[in-house]
Amino acid sequence: MTTLAWLAAVLIVAIGAAVQGSIGFGLGVVGAPILILLEPRLVPGPILLDALLLTLLVTVREWKHVRLADLGWSVPGRLLGTGIAVWILRVVPAARLQLTMGLFMLSAVAMTMVGPRFRVGRRTLFGAGTLAGVMSTITSMGGPPMALLYQHEEGARLRGTLAAFFSLGVVFSIGGLRLAGRFGWTEVRLAALLLPGVLAGFALSAWTAQRLDKRHTRLIVLVTSTLAGLLVVLNGLR
């Protein structure tokens, strides 16, 4: 990777980290589609490892807003979803799954806009966690399913609970990629190159999160989730 490409990758990661630190997800949405063009090896392993550091930092910052009871249902779903994704990756090339994943994501956004409001409960947490596990391991964009479920919550609770969920979930996804033979020391070294962007974005999010809390975050969640779906679809059509 050239110096110019590295600088561009760090900038993209910084923007994505700032978005995720502000609304609870976004590093994969902003980063993955562009990083895969700069250096395909950066996705999904390296970006997931960087996401682990970011989610741990946000979890510590927003710890008092974390709903621990919710994790008891969403985390097992994430583990199941990771297992499903590992099986899928062994059978079907990831590139052939992008279109399906993107269309599903867009359908989920449409359902939340015109359909009934989904209550945050045991079944919905487990279901959203499972979908997040599948999508995160395959596309690096596992945020939308959980974020859409929490879209009516206040900003701090959305960020804190999602960060704690993703901290555990990313570990599952990295382990799944390892089992699928798609994660090793090369991915660790590439992730280390992007660390300046993670730290810069997290620092910036401390300022942007406070301002977003003054407004309803639902619109931002819907727009970001729609963007994620469109990017995955476009990547699948390439």
C-alpha atoms as a PDB file:
ATOM      1  CA  MET A   1       0.000   0.000   0.000  1.00  0.00           C
ATOM      2  CA  THR A   2       1.437   3.369  -1.045  1.00  0.00           C
ATOM      3  CA  THR A   3       1.810   6.302   1.358  1.00  0.00           C
ATOM      4  CA  LEU A   4      -1.014   8.175  -0.383  1.00  0.00           C
ATOM      5  CA  ALA A   5      -3.313   5.166  -0.143  1.00  0.00           C
ATOM      6  CA  TRP A   6      -2.428   4.761   3.557  1.00  0.00           C
ATOM      7  CA  LEU A   7      -3.219   8.413   4.286  1.00  0.00           C
ATOM      8  CA  ALA A   8      -6.541   8.088   2.476  1.00  0.00           C
ATOM      9  CA  ALA A   9      -7.356   4.901   4.413  1.00  0.00           C
ATOM     10  CA  VAL A  10      -6.536   6.543   7.752  1.00  0.00           C
ATOM     11  CA  LEU A  11      -8.771   9.517   6.882  1.00  0.00           C
ATOM     12  CA  ILE A  12     -11.665   7.245   5.919  1.00  0.00           C
ATOM     13  CA  VAL A  13     -11.277   5.255   9.141  1.00  0.00           C
ATOM     14  CA  ALA A  14     -11.196   8.488  11.160  1.00  0.00           C
ATOM     15  CA  ILE A  15     -14.488   9.618   9.605  1.00  0.00           C
ATOM     16  CA  GLY A  16     -16.071   6.212  10.155  1.00  0.00           C
ATOM     17  CA  ALA A  17     -14.845   6.059  13.754  1.00  0.00           C
ATOM     18  CA  ALA A  18     -16.282   9.512  14.441  1.00  0.00           C
ATOM     19  CA  VAL A  19     -19.660   8.423  13.041  1.00  0.00           C
ATOM     20  CA  GLN A  20     -19.680   5.219  15.095  1.00  0.00           C
ATOM     21  CA  GLY A  21     -18.600   7.000  18.252  1.00  0.00           C
ATOM     22  CA  SER A  22     -21.500   9.412  17.729  1.00  0.00           C
ATOM     23  CA  ILE A  23     -24.426   7.128  16.876  1.00  0.00           C
ATOM     24  CA  GLY A  24     -23.256   3.618  17.846  1.00  0.00           C
ATOM     25  CA  PHE A  25     -22.243   2.206  14.455  1.00  0.00           C
ATOM     26  CA  GLY A  26     -20.779   3.402  11.175  1.00  0.00           C
ATOM     27  CA  LEU A  27     -17.111   2.417  10.910  1.00  0.00           C
ATOM     28  CA  GLY A  28     -17.917  -0.491   8.616  1.00  0.00           C
ATOM     29  CA  VAL A  29     -20.540   1.472   6.698  1.00  0.00           C
ATOM     30  CA  VAL A  30     -18.209   4.373   5.921  1.00  0.00           C
ATOM     31  CA  GLY A  31     -14.954   2.469   5.788  1.00  0.00           C
ATOM     32  CA  ALA A  32     -15.493  -0.942   4.195  1.00  0.00           C
ATOM     33  CA  PRO A  33     -16.720   0.086   0.695  1.00  0.00           C
ATOM     34  CA  ILE A  34     -13.854   2.556   0.193  1.00  0.00           C
ATOM     35  CA  LEU A  35     -11.121   0.564   1.932  1.00  0.00           C
ATOM     36  CA  ILE A  36     -11.836  -2.454  -0.249  1.00  0.00           C
ATOM     37  CA  LEU A  37     -11.065  -0.260  -3.272  1.00  0.00           C
ATOM     38  CA  LEU A  38      -7.836   1.097  -1.764  1.00  0.00           C
ATOM     39  CA  GLU A  39      -6.615  -2.266  -0.489  1.00  0.00           C
ATOM     40  CA  PRO A  40      -8.931  -5.321  -0.588  1.00  0.00           C
ATOM     41  CA  ARG A  41      -6.993  -6.988   2.240  1.00  0.00           C
ATOM     42  CA  LEU A  42      -8.241  -4.330   4.685  1.00  0.00           C
ATOM     43  CA  VAL A  43     -11.752  -5.893   4.628  1.00  0.00           C
ATOM     44  CA  PRO A  44     -13.139  -7.622   6.598  1.00  0.00           C
ATOM     45  CA  GLY A  45     -10.410  -8.731   9.066  1.00  0.00           C
ATOM     46  CA  PRO A  46      -8.354  -5.560   9.664  1.00  0.00           C
ATOM     47  CA  ILE A  47     -11.363  -3.232   9.822  1.00  0.00           C
ATOM     48  CA  LEU A  48     -13.048  -5.586  12.291  1.00  0.00           C
ATOM     49  CA  LEU A  49      -9.962  -5.601  14.524  1.00  0.00           C
ATOM     50  CA  ASP A  50      -9.875  -1.805  14.488  1.00  0.00           C
ATOM     51  CA  ALA A  51     -13.610  -1.797  15.250  1.00  0.00           C
ATOM     52  CA  LEU A  52     -12.887  -3.883  18.343  1.00  0.00           C
ATOM     53  CA  LEU A  53     -10.623  -1.180  19.771  1.00  0.00           C
ATOM     54  CA  LEU A  54     -13.139   1.532  18.915  1.00  0.00           C
ATOM     55  CA  THR A  55     -16.084  -0.271  20.497  1.00  0.00           C
ATOM     56  CA  LEU A  56     -14.106  -0.911  23.669  1.00  0.00           C
ATOM     57  CA  LEU A  57     -13.265   2.795  23.925  1.00  0.00           C
ATOM     58  CA  VAL A  58     -16.903   3.811  23.384  1.00  0.00           C
ATOM     59  CA  THR A  59     -18.113   1.185  25.874  1.00  0.00           C
ATOM     60  CA  VAL A  60     -15.857   2.595  28.586  1.00  0.00           C
ATOM     61  CA  ARG A  61     -16.977   6.140  27.820  1.00  0.00           C
ATOM     62  CA  GLU A  62     -20.706   5.296  27.776  1.00  0.00           C
ATOM     63  CA  TRP A  63     -20.674   2.502  30.365  1.00  0.00           C
ATOM     64  CA  LYS A  64     -23.397   3.985  32.583  1.00  0.00           C
ATOM     65  CA  HIS A  65     -25.826   3.902  29.636  1.00  0.00           C
ATOM     66  CA  VAL A  66     -25.261   0.234  28.713  1.00  0.00           C
ATOM     67  CA  ARG A  67     -28.296  -2.083  29.043  1.00  0.00           C
ATOM     68  CA  LEU A  68     -26.613  -5.199  30.372  1.00  0.00           C
ATOM     69  CA  ALA A  69     -29.865  -7.205  30.376  1.00  0.00           C
ATOM     70  CA  ASP A  70     -30.204  -6.732  26.613  1.00  0.00           C
ATOM     71  CA  LEU A  71     -26.785  -8.261  26.014  1.00  0.00           C
ATOM     72  CA  GLY A  72     -27.987 -11.527  27.513  1.00  0.00           C
ATOM     73  CA  TRP A  73     -30.194 -12.017  24.434  1.00  0.00           C
ATOM     74  CA  SER A  74     -28.383 -10.165  21.649  1.00  0.00           C
ATOM     75  CA  VAL A  75     -24.907 -11.627  22.276  1.00  0.00           C
ATOM     76  CA  PRO A  76     -26.015 -15.297  21.934  1.00  0.00           C
ATOM     77  CA  GLY A  77     -27.721 -14.275  18.688  1.00  0.00           C
ATOM     78  CA  ARG A  78     -24.489 -12.700  17.500  1.00  0.00           C
ATOM     79  CA  LEU A  79     -22.626 -15.927  18.258  1.00  0.00           C
ATOM     80  CA  LEU A  80     -25.194 -17.950  16.305  1.00  0.00           C
ATOM     81  CA  GLY A  81     -25.013 -15.515  13.398  1.00  0.00           C
ATOM     82  CA  THR A  82     -21.234 -15.770  13.301  1.00  0.00           C
ATOM     83  CA  GLY A  83     -21.471 -19.547  13.104  1.00  0.00           C
ATOM     84  CA  ILE A  84     -23.959 -19.282  10.249  1.00  0.00           C
ATOM     85  CA  ALA A  85     -21.668 -16.835   8.444  1.00  0.00           C
ATOM     86  CA  VAL A  86     -18.648 -19.141   8.810  1.00  0.00           C
ATOM     87  CA  TRP A  87     -20.648 -21.975   7.241  1.00  0.00           C
ATOM     88  CA  ILE A  88     -21.812 -19.688   4.423  1.00  0.00           C
ATOM     89  CA  LEU A  89     -18.259 -18.456   3.732  1.00  0.00           C
ATOM     90  CA  ARG A  90     -17.054 -22.023   3.425  1.00  0.00           C
ATOM     91  CA  VAL A  91     -19.738 -22.800   0.859  1.00  0.00           C
ATOM     92  CA  VAL A  92     -20.354 -19.550  -1.027  1.00  0.00           C
ATOM     93  CA  PRO A  93     -17.791 -16.831  -1.960  1.00  0.00           C
ATOM     94  CA  ALA A  94     -18.396 -13.631   0.019  1.00  0.00           C
ATOM     95  CA  ALA A  95     -18.638 -11.551  -3.179  1.00  0.00           C
ATOM     96  CA  ARG A  96     -21.733 -13.475  -4.298  1.00  0.00           C
ATOM     97  CA  LEU A  97     -23.492 -12.683  -1.014  1.00  0.00           C
ATOM     98  CA  GLN A  98     -23.105  -8.907  -1.129  1.00  0.00           C
ATOM     99  CA  LEU A  99     -26.191  -8.231  -3.256  1.00  0.00           C
ATOM    100  CA  THR A 100     -28.467 -10.366  -1.082  1.00  0.00           C
ATOM    101  CA  MET A 101     -27.168  -8.786   2.126  1.00  0.00           C
ATOM    102  CA  GLY A 102     -27.587  -5.268   0.745  1.00  0.00           C
ATOM    103  CA  LEU A 103     -31.151  -5.841  -0.440  1.00  0.00           C
ATOM    104  CA  PHE A 104     -32.055  -7.345   2.898  1.00  0.00           C
ATOM    105  CA  MET A 105     -30.628  -4.319   4.696  1.00  0.00           C
ATOM    106  CA  LEU A 106     -32.637  -1.911   2.538  1.00  0.00           C
ATOM    107  CA  SER A 107     -35.778  -3.956   3.144  1.00  0.00           C
ATOM    108  CA  ALA A 108     -35.195  -3.739   6.890  1.00  0.00           C
ATOM    109  CA  VAL A 109     -34.911   0.053   6.693  1.00  0.00           C
ATOM    110  CA  ALA A 110     -38.135   0.270   4.674  1.00  0.00           C
ATOM    111  CA  MET A 111     -39.970  -1.936   7.168  1.00  0.00           C
ATOM    112  CA  THR A 112     -38.953   0.254  10.108  1.00  0.00           C
ATOM    113  CA  MET A 113     -40.082   3.405   8.279  1.00  0.00           C
ATOM    114  CA  VAL A 114     -43.545   2.254   7.195  1.00  0.00           C
ATOM    115  CA  GLY A 115     -44.207  -0.787   9.367  1.00  0.00           C
ATOM    116  CA  PRO A 116     -44.942  -1.229  13.072  1.00  0.00           C
ATOM    117  CA  ARG A 117     -42.438  -0.210  15.697  1.00  0.00           C
ATOM    118  CA  PHE A 118     -40.465  -3.235  16.893  1.00  0.00           C
ATOM    119  CA  ARG A 119     -40.290  -3.539  20.656  1.00  0.00           C
ATOM    120  CA  VAL A 120     -36.890  -4.184  22.179  1.00  0.00           C
ATOM    121  CA  GLY A 121     -37.493  -7.630  23.699  1.00  0.00           C
ATOM    122  CA  ARG A 122     -36.004 -11.091  23.918  1.00  0.00           C
ATOM    123  CA  ARG A 123     -37.007 -12.278  20.457  1.00  0.00           C
ATOM    124  CA  THR A 124     -36.143  -9.083  18.622  1.00  0.00           C
ATOM    125  CA  LEU A 125     -32.790  -8.793  20.407  1.00  0.00           C
ATOM    126  CA  PHE A 126     -31.886 -12.378  19.558  1.00  0.00           C
ATOM    127  CA  GLY A 127     -33.025 -11.968  15.957  1.00  0.00           C
ATOM    128  CA  ALA A 128     -31.214  -8.668  15.410  1.00  0.00           C
ATOM    129  CA  GLY A 129     -28.113 -10.082  17.082  1.00  0.00           C
ATOM    130  CA  THR A 130     -28.153 -13.088  14.750  1.00  0.00           C
ATOM    131  CA  LEU A 131     -28.490 -10.908  11.660  1.00  0.00           C
ATOM    132  CA  ALA A 132     -25.719  -8.651  12.904  1.00  0.00           C
ATOM    133  CA  GLY A 133     -23.444 -11.675  13.329  1.00  0.00           C
ATOM    134  CA  VAL A 134     -24.060 -12.882   9.786  1.00  0.00           C
ATOM    135  CA  MET A 135     -23.681  -9.460   8.164  1.00  0.00           C
ATOM    136  CA  SER A 136     -20.671  -8.354  10.189  1.00  0.00           C
ATOM    137  CA  THR A 137     -18.656 -11.479   9.460  1.00  0.00           C
ATOM    138  CA  ILE A 138     -19.454 -11.423   5.741  1.00  0.00           C
ATOM    139  CA  THR A 139     -19.582  -7.699   4.920  1.00  0.00           C
ATOM    140  CA  SER A 140     -18.011  -5.872   7.933  1.00  0.00           C
ATOM    141  CA  MET A 141     -21.329  -3.978   8.233  1.00  0.00           C
ATOM    142  CA  GLY A 142     -23.138  -5.562  11.157  1.00  0.00           C
ATOM    143  CA  GLY A 143     -24.430  -2.372  12.733  1.00  0.00           C
ATOM    144  CA  PRO A 144     -27.769  -1.733  10.972  1.00  0.00           C
ATOM    145  CA  PRO A 145     -29.837  -4.664  12.372  1.00  0.00           C
ATOM    146  CA  MET A 146     -29.188  -3.693  15.996  1.00  0.00           C
ATOM    147  CA  ALA A 147     -29.214   0.045  15.340  1.00  0.00           C
ATOM    148  CA  LEU A 148     -32.620  -0.160  13.650  1.00  0.00           C
ATOM    149  CA  LEU A 149     -33.992  -2.008  16.674  1.00  0.00           C
ATOM    150  CA  TYR A 150     -32.680   0.722  19.005  1.00  0.00           C
ATOM    151  CA  GLN A 151     -33.480   3.647  16.712  1.00  0.00           C
ATOM    152  CA  HIS A 152     -36.066   5.146  19.095  1.00  0.00           C
ATOM    153  CA  GLU A 153     -33.716   5.105  22.095  1.00  0.00           C
ATOM    154  CA  GLU A 154     -31.815   8.151  23.317  1.00  0.00           C
ATOM    155  CA  GLY A 155     -28.365   8.709  21.827  1.00  0.00           C
ATOM    156  CA  ALA A 156     -26.266   7.749  24.853  1.00  0.00           C
ATOM    157  CA  ARG A 157     -28.145   4.473  25.405  1.00  0.00           C
ATOM    158  CA  LEU A 158     -27.922   3.647  21.697  1.00  0.00           C
ATOM    159  CA  ARG A 159     -24.150   4.227  21.652  1.00  0.00           C
ATOM    160  CA  GLY A 160     -23.402   2.500  24.929  1.00  0.00           C
ATOM    161  CA  THR A 161     -25.445  -0.667  24.412  1.00  0.00           C
ATOM    162  CA  LEU A 162     -24.381  -1.091  20.786  1.00  0.00           C
ATOM    163  CA  ALA A 163     -20.732  -0.562  21.706  1.00  0.00           C
ATOM    164  CA  ALA A 164     -20.865  -3.256  24.392  1.00  0.00           C
ATOM    165  CA  PHE A 165     -22.661  -5.598  21.979  1.00  0.00           C
ATOM    166  CA  PHE A 166     -20.157  -5.013  19.202  1.00  0.00           C
ATOM    167  CA  SER A 167     -17.172  -5.390  21.548  1.00  0.00           C
ATOM    168  CA  LEU A 168     -18.196  -8.996  22.172  1.00  0.00           C
ATOM    169  CA  GLY A 169     -19.567  -9.568  18.686  1.00  0.00           C
ATOM    170  CA  VAL A 170     -16.423  -8.468  16.869  1.00  0.00           C
ATOM    171  CA  VAL A 171     -14.444 -11.032  18.857  1.00  0.00           C
ATOM    172  CA  PHE A 172     -16.847 -13.703  17.587  1.00  0.00           C
ATOM    173  CA  SER A 173     -16.533 -12.477  13.999  1.00  0.00           C
ATOM    174  CA  ILE A 174     -12.729 -12.398  14.103  1.00  0.00           C
ATOM    175  CA  GLY A 175     -12.738 -15.898  15.553  1.00  0.00           C
ATOM    176  CA  GLY A 176     -15.088 -16.980  12.787  1.00  0.00           C
ATOM    177  CA  LEU A 177     -12.826 -15.511  10.116  1.00  0.00           C
ATOM    178  CA  ARG A 178      -9.903 -17.311  11.725  1.00  0.00           C
ATOM    179  CA  LEU A 179     -11.764 -20.609  11.506  1.00  0.00           C
ATOM    180  CA  ALA A 180     -12.601 -19.843   7.879  1.00  0.00           C
ATOM    181  CA  GLY A 181      -8.904 -19.219   7.172  1.00  0.00           C
ATOM    182  CA  ARG A 182      -9.399 -15.486   6.531  1.00  0.00           C
ATOM    183  CA  PHE A 183      -7.615 -13.916   9.496  1.00  0.00           C
ATOM    184  CA  GLY A 184      -3.941 -14.016  10.511  1.00  0.00           C
ATOM    185  CA  TRP A 185      -0.901 -11.877  11.243  1.00  0.00           C
ATOM    186  CA  THR A 186      -1.188 -10.082   7.908  1.00  0.00           C
ATOM    187  CA  GLU A 187      -4.592  -8.741   8.970  1.00  0.00           C
ATOM    188  CA  VAL A 188      -3.190  -7.714  12.363  1.00  0.00           C
ATOM    189  CA  ARG A 189      -0.397  -5.712  10.719  1.00  0.00           C
ATOM    190  CA  LEU A 190      -2.815  -4.038   8.321  1.00  0.00           C
ATOM    191  CA  ALA A 191      -5.142  -3.139  11.208  1.00  0.00           C
ATOM    192  CA  ALA A 192      -2.231  -1.521  13.049  1.00  0.00           C
ATOM    193  CA  LEU A 193      -1.650   0.806  10.086  1.00  0.00           C
ATOM    194  CA  LEU A 194      -5.152   2.229  10.550  1.00  0.00           C
ATOM    195  CA  LEU A 195      -4.921   2.866  14.311  1.00  0.00           C
ATOM    196  CA  PRO A 196      -4.251   6.632  13.971  1.00  0.00           C
ATOM    197  CA  GLY A 197      -7.621   6.981  12.236  1.00  0.00           C
ATOM    198  CA  VAL A 198      -9.424   5.039  14.965  1.00  0.00           C
ATOM    199  CA  LEU A 199      -7.986   7.190  17.743  1.00  0.00           C
ATOM    200  CA  ALA A 200      -8.587  10.465  15.902  1.00  0.00           C
ATOM    201  CA  GLY A 201     -12.188   9.543  15.097  1.00  0.00           C
ATOM    202  CA  PHE A 202     -12.915   8.468  18.658  1.00  0.00           C
ATOM    203  CA  ALA A 203     -11.544  11.745  20.014  1.00  0.00           C
ATOM    204  CA  LEU A 204     -13.705  13.705  17.577  1.00  0.00           C
ATOM    205  CA  SER A 205     -16.824  11.703  18.497  1.00  0.00           C
ATOM    206  CA  ALA A 206     -16.672  12.986  22.080  1.00  0.00           C
ATOM    207  CA  TRP A 207     -17.581  16.399  20.633  1.00  0.00           C
ATOM    208  CA  THR A 208     -20.050  15.292  17.953  1.00  0.00           C
ATOM    209  CA  ALA A 209     -21.938  12.879  20.248  1.00  0.00           C
ATOM    210  CA  GLN A 210     -22.850  15.669  22.654  1.00  0.00           C
ATOM    211  CA  ARG A 211     -24.394  17.690  19.855  1.00  0.00           C
ATOM    212  CA  LEU A 212     -26.297  14.768  18.393  1.00  0.00           C
ATOM    213  CA  ASP A 213     -27.809  14.047  21.809  1.00  0.00           C
ATOM    214  CA  LYS A 214     -29.621  17.364  21.539  1.00  0.00           C
ATOM    215  CA  ARG A 215     -31.555  15.998  18.532  1.00  0.00           C
ATOM    216  CA  HIS A 216     -33.338  12.768  17.795  1.00  0.00           C
ATOM    217  CA  THR A 217     -30.854  10.241  16.374  1.00  0.00           C
ATOM    218  CA  ARG A 218     -33.450   8.128  14.526  1.00  0.00           C
ATOM    219  CA  LEU A 219     -33.035   9.969  11.217  1.00  0.00           C
ATOM    220  CA  ILE A 220     -29.264   9.529  11.312  1.00  0.00           C
ATOM    221  CA  VAL A 221     -29.628   5.808  12.008  1.00  0.00           C
ATOM    222  CA  LEU A 222     -32.047   5.381   9.086  1.00  0.00           C
ATOM    223  CA  VAL A 223     -29.893   7.374   6.670  1.00  0.00           C
ATOM    224  CA  THR A 224     -26.704   5.539   7.651  1.00  0.00           C
ATOM    225  CA  SER A 225     -28.405   2.141   7.413  1.00  0.00           C
ATOM    226  CA  THR A 226     -29.780   3.012   3.974  1.00  0.00           C
ATOM    227  CA  LEU A 227     -26.307   4.098   2.865  1.00  0.00           C
ATOM    228  CA  ALA A 228     -24.905   0.800   4.117  1.00  0.00           C
ATOM    229  CA  GLY A 229     -27.466  -1.174   2.159  1.00  0.00           C
ATOM    230  CA  LEU A 230     -26.855   0.760  -1.053  1.00  0.00           C
ATOM    231  CA  LEU A 231     -23.087   0.372  -0.763  1.00  0.00           C
ATOM    232  CA  VAL A 232     -23.334  -3.361  -0.203  1.00  0.00           C
ATOM    233  CA  VAL A 233     -25.703  -3.715  -3.179  1.00  0.00           C
ATOM    234  CA  LEU A 234     -23.396  -1.695  -5.447  1.00  0.00           C
ATOM    235  CA  ASN A 235     -20.421  -3.750  -4.310  1.00  0.00           C
ATOM    236  CA  GLY A 236     -22.363  -6.916  -5.086  1.00  0.00           C
ATOM    237  CA  LEU A 237     -23.155  -5.661  -8.592  1.00  0.00           C
ATOM    238  CA  ARG A 238     -19.533  -4.896  -9.441  1.00  0.00           C
END
